[in-house]
Each structure stands twice: as C-alpha cells, then as structure tokens.
Amino acid sequence: MPFDPVAALTAGAVAGLLMTLMRASLGLAGLRLRLHVLRLWGHLLGLRGIPARIAGLVIHVVGSAAIGLAYAAAFAALGIADNVPVWGLIGGAAHWAIAGVFMAVVPAFDPDLPLGERPGAFVVNHGARDVVVFTIGHLMYGLAFTFLYLLLASS
C-alpha cells in the first residue's frame, strides 16, 4: 500500500475523535469511568477545568493524527496490501501497549495528580471497566484508522 500522508493524518485525526466520542457516549449512557483522558492531557499542561478538556481534545486529535502517520508508514514499509483490517487490529494492539505503559508514568508528568486518580499501567488502578474501555478504544482506533485510510488513500 503506498504511503499517503494527507490520508493518514486525516484518518488518524478522525479515528482519534471516534475514540473520544465512544468514551463520551459511554459516559452519557451511564457507564461510570474513572479515566478522563482529555482532562489528563490538559492537566499535563498545567491547565484545569474546561481549558484542560479543550487542550486535551486538541492534544488527543493531533496525537491521533501523528499516530496515523506511523500506522500508514508501517503499512507502506511492510508492503501490507491484504488483510489490512487485521493489520489495523495489530496496530491497535501495539498502540494499546505503548499507551498502556505511558499510563504508568503519567504521575511523573503531573505531580498534582492525587494517588486515587493515577491510572497505572494499562489503567489497572481504575478498575476492570476502564481497562476494557481503554483496550477496546485502542483496537477500535486501529480498525477505524484502517478503514478510513483505505477509503481516503484510494480516492
């Protein structure tokens, strides 16, 4: 599959927004989750309240776009042309593993984060519900990115 950076950035940003919408819809449906990734990103910038959430959304979308570039570059470098959705899931699993380890070091970046809010590796400190949503979100990103990238890169 040839590398298309515009398609990769767009697909990555949209897939990141879909992750955010999935999380928000679960909250609206009454599922109580402890990890608030947009707030967490904003807190890492020293912001609080609504400015933290807005900055967190920007960071999440821009980061998701950059991750999309990495997926597309990997697809091109590996010559992936068949079973691309499976490779999207594999990418989602790798993305989950990296993000999961990052969650363990979050307190080093935000010393104001209370002990009870520290997610821990793979958000295990927040309980099974958050771990499942964290996992599904990253796998969903991999699939959403892949389908969007295939659609955009071929047009």
Protein backbone atom coordinates (compact mmCIF):
# COMPACT_ATOMS: atom_id res chain seq x y z
CA MET A 1 0.00 0.00 0.00
CA PRO A 2 1.54 3.34 -0.98
CA PHE A 3 2.07 5.97 1.71
CA ASP A 4 -0.41 8.88 1.62
CA PRO A 5 0.41 11.36 4.41
CA VAL A 6 -2.71 13.51 3.97
CA ALA A 7 -4.97 10.47 4.12
CA ALA A 8 -3.00 9.17 7.13
CA LEU A 9 -3.29 12.45 9.06
CA THR A 10 -6.99 12.75 8.29
CA ALA A 11 -7.81 9.13 9.10
CA GLY A 12 -5.77 9.32 12.30
CA ALA A 13 -7.48 12.50 13.49
CA VAL A 14 -10.95 11.14 12.73
CA ALA A 15 -10.16 7.80 14.41
CA GLY A 16 -8.97 9.72 17.49
CA LEU A 17 -12.22 11.70 17.52
CA LEU A 18 -14.16 8.44 17.26
CA MET A 19 -12.28 7.13 20.33
CA THR A 20 -13.27 10.29 22.20
CA LEU A 21 -16.89 10.03 21.07
CA MET A 22 -17.03 6.38 22.13
CA ARG A 23 -15.78 7.31 25.60
CA ALA A 24 -18.21 10.24 25.85
CA SER A 25 -21.16 8.14 24.70
CA LEU A 26 -20.42 5.52 27.34
CA GLY A 27 -20.47 8.25 29.96
CA LEU A 28 -23.77 9.61 28.63
CA ALA A 29 -25.17 6.07 28.75
CA GLY A 30 -24.39 5.97 32.47
CA LEU A 31 -21.19 3.91 32.44
CA ARG A 32 -19.00 5.46 35.11
CA LEU A 33 -15.38 5.53 34.04
CA ARG A 34 -12.53 6.98 36.06
CA LEU A 35 -10.08 7.76 33.27
CA HIS A 36 -10.76 11.14 31.70
CA VAL A 37 -8.04 11.27 29.06
CA LEU A 38 -8.88 14.75 27.79
CA ARG A 39 -8.65 16.17 31.29
CA LEU A 40 -5.45 14.21 31.87
CA TRP A 41 -3.79 15.66 28.74
CA GLY A 42 -4.82 19.16 29.79
CA HIS A 43 -3.51 18.62 33.32
CA LEU A 44 -0.15 17.71 31.86
CA LEU A 45 -0.08 21.28 30.51
CA GLY A 46 -0.92 22.68 33.94
CA LEU A 47 -4.50 23.54 32.96
CA ARG A 48 -7.65 22.80 34.93
CA GLY A 49 -11.38 22.75 34.20
CA ILE A 50 -12.78 23.41 30.73
CA PRO A 51 -9.48 24.78 29.34
CA ALA A 52 -7.85 21.46 30.31
CA ARG A 53 -10.50 19.49 28.44
CA ILE A 54 -10.27 21.69 25.34
CA ALA A 55 -6.48 21.46 25.29
CA GLY A 56 -6.76 17.74 25.96
CA LEU A 57 -9.03 17.29 22.96
CA VAL A 58 -6.59 19.17 20.73
CA ILE A 59 -3.67 17.10 22.03
CA HIS A 60 -5.61 13.85 21.55
CA VAL A 61 -6.64 14.69 17.97
CA VAL A 62 -3.18 15.94 16.94
CA GLY A 63 -1.55 12.94 18.60
CA SER A 64 -4.02 10.62 16.88
CA ALA A 65 -3.17 12.21 13.53
CA ALA A 66 0.55 11.66 14.18
CA ILE A 67 -0.11 8.05 15.18
CA GLY A 68 -2.00 7.69 11.90
CA LEU A 69 1.18 8.67 10.07
CA ALA A 70 3.02 5.92 11.94
CA TYR A 71 0.39 3.32 11.00
CA ALA A 72 0.47 4.36 7.33
CA ALA A 73 4.27 4.40 7.24
CA ALA A 74 4.35 0.92 8.79
CA PHE A 75 1.78 -0.37 6.29
CA ALA A 76 3.87 1.03 3.41
CA ALA A 77 7.21 -0.18 4.81
CA LEU A 78 5.84 -3.69 5.38
CA GLY A 79 4.18 -3.77 1.97
CA ILE A 80 0.79 -4.51 3.50
CA ALA A 81 -1.87 -4.80 0.83
CA ASP A 82 -4.01 -7.75 2.01
CA ASN A 83 -5.92 -8.33 5.23
CA VAL A 84 -5.44 -4.66 6.08
CA PRO A 85 -8.14 -4.64 8.83
CA VAL A 86 -6.26 -7.43 10.62
CA TRP A 87 -3.13 -5.28 10.44
CA GLY A 88 -5.19 -2.38 11.78
CA LEU A 89 -6.06 -4.52 14.82
CA ILE A 90 -2.40 -5.45 15.22
CA GLY A 91 -1.55 -1.74 15.06
CA GLY A 92 -4.27 -1.06 17.61
CA ALA A 93 -2.77 -3.67 19.93
CA ALA A 94 0.70 -2.09 19.58
CA HIS A 95 -0.83 1.35 20.16
CA TRP A 96 -2.59 -0.03 23.28
CA ALA A 97 0.68 -1.48 24.59
CA ILE A 98 2.57 1.81 24.19
CA ALA A 99 -0.29 3.87 25.65
CA GLY A 100 -0.67 1.37 28.49
CA VAL A 101 2.96 1.75 29.51
CA PHE A 102 2.67 5.54 29.20
CA MET A 103 -0.19 5.49 31.71
CA ALA A 104 2.23 4.09 34.28
CA VAL A 105 4.48 7.15 34.01
CA VAL A 106 1.74 9.79 33.96
CA PRO A 107 2.32 10.76 37.64
CA ALA A 108 5.87 11.77 36.77
CA PHE A 109 4.41 14.41 34.43
CA ASP A 110 1.61 15.53 36.75
CA PRO A 111 2.76 15.54 40.37
CA ASP A 112 -0.56 17.19 41.39
CA LEU A 113 -2.49 14.10 40.34
CA PRO A 114 -3.90 12.55 43.54
CA LEU A 115 -2.98 8.94 44.26
CA GLY A 116 -6.55 7.81 43.66
CA GLU A 117 -6.57 9.28 40.15
CA ARG A 118 -3.29 7.79 38.95
CA PRO A 119 -4.24 5.32 36.25
CA GLY A 120 -1.27 2.95 36.49
CA ALA A 121 -0.06 0.74 33.66
CA PHE A 122 -2.92 -0.09 31.31
CA VAL A 123 -5.18 1.94 33.66
CA VAL A 124 -5.43 -1.01 36.06
CA ASN A 125 -5.77 1.33 39.06
CA HIS A 126 -9.10 2.48 37.65
CA GLY A 127 -10.66 -0.99 37.60
CA ALA A 128 -11.72 -3.57 35.06
CA ARG A 129 -14.31 -1.35 33.36
CA ASP A 130 -11.69 1.26 32.47
CA VAL A 131 -9.21 -1.41 31.38
CA VAL A 132 -11.77 -2.89 28.97
CA VAL A 133 -12.76 0.51 27.54
CA PHE A 134 -9.07 1.51 27.23
CA THR A 135 -8.36 -1.73 25.32
CA ILE A 136 -11.43 -1.57 23.08
CA GLY A 137 -10.76 2.10 22.34
CA HIS A 138 -7.28 1.40 21.00
CA LEU A 139 -8.39 -1.61 18.97
CA MET A 140 -11.26 0.50 17.62
CA TYR A 141 -8.76 3.21 16.65
CA GLY A 142 -6.77 0.63 14.67
CA LEU A 143 -9.84 -0.56 12.78
CA ALA A 144 -11.32 2.91 12.25
CA PHE A 145 -7.98 4.27 11.06
CA THR A 146 -7.53 1.36 8.66
CA PHE A 147 -10.95 1.66 7.04
CA LEU A 148 -10.73 5.44 6.78
CA TYR A 149 -7.19 5.28 5.41
CA LEU A 150 -8.16 2.70 2.80
CA LEU A 151 -11.10 4.89 1.77
CA LEU A 152 -9.14 8.16 1.66
CA ALA A 153 -5.93 6.83 0.16
CA SER A 154 -7.78 5.15 -2.70
CA SER A 155 -9.79 8.24 -3.67
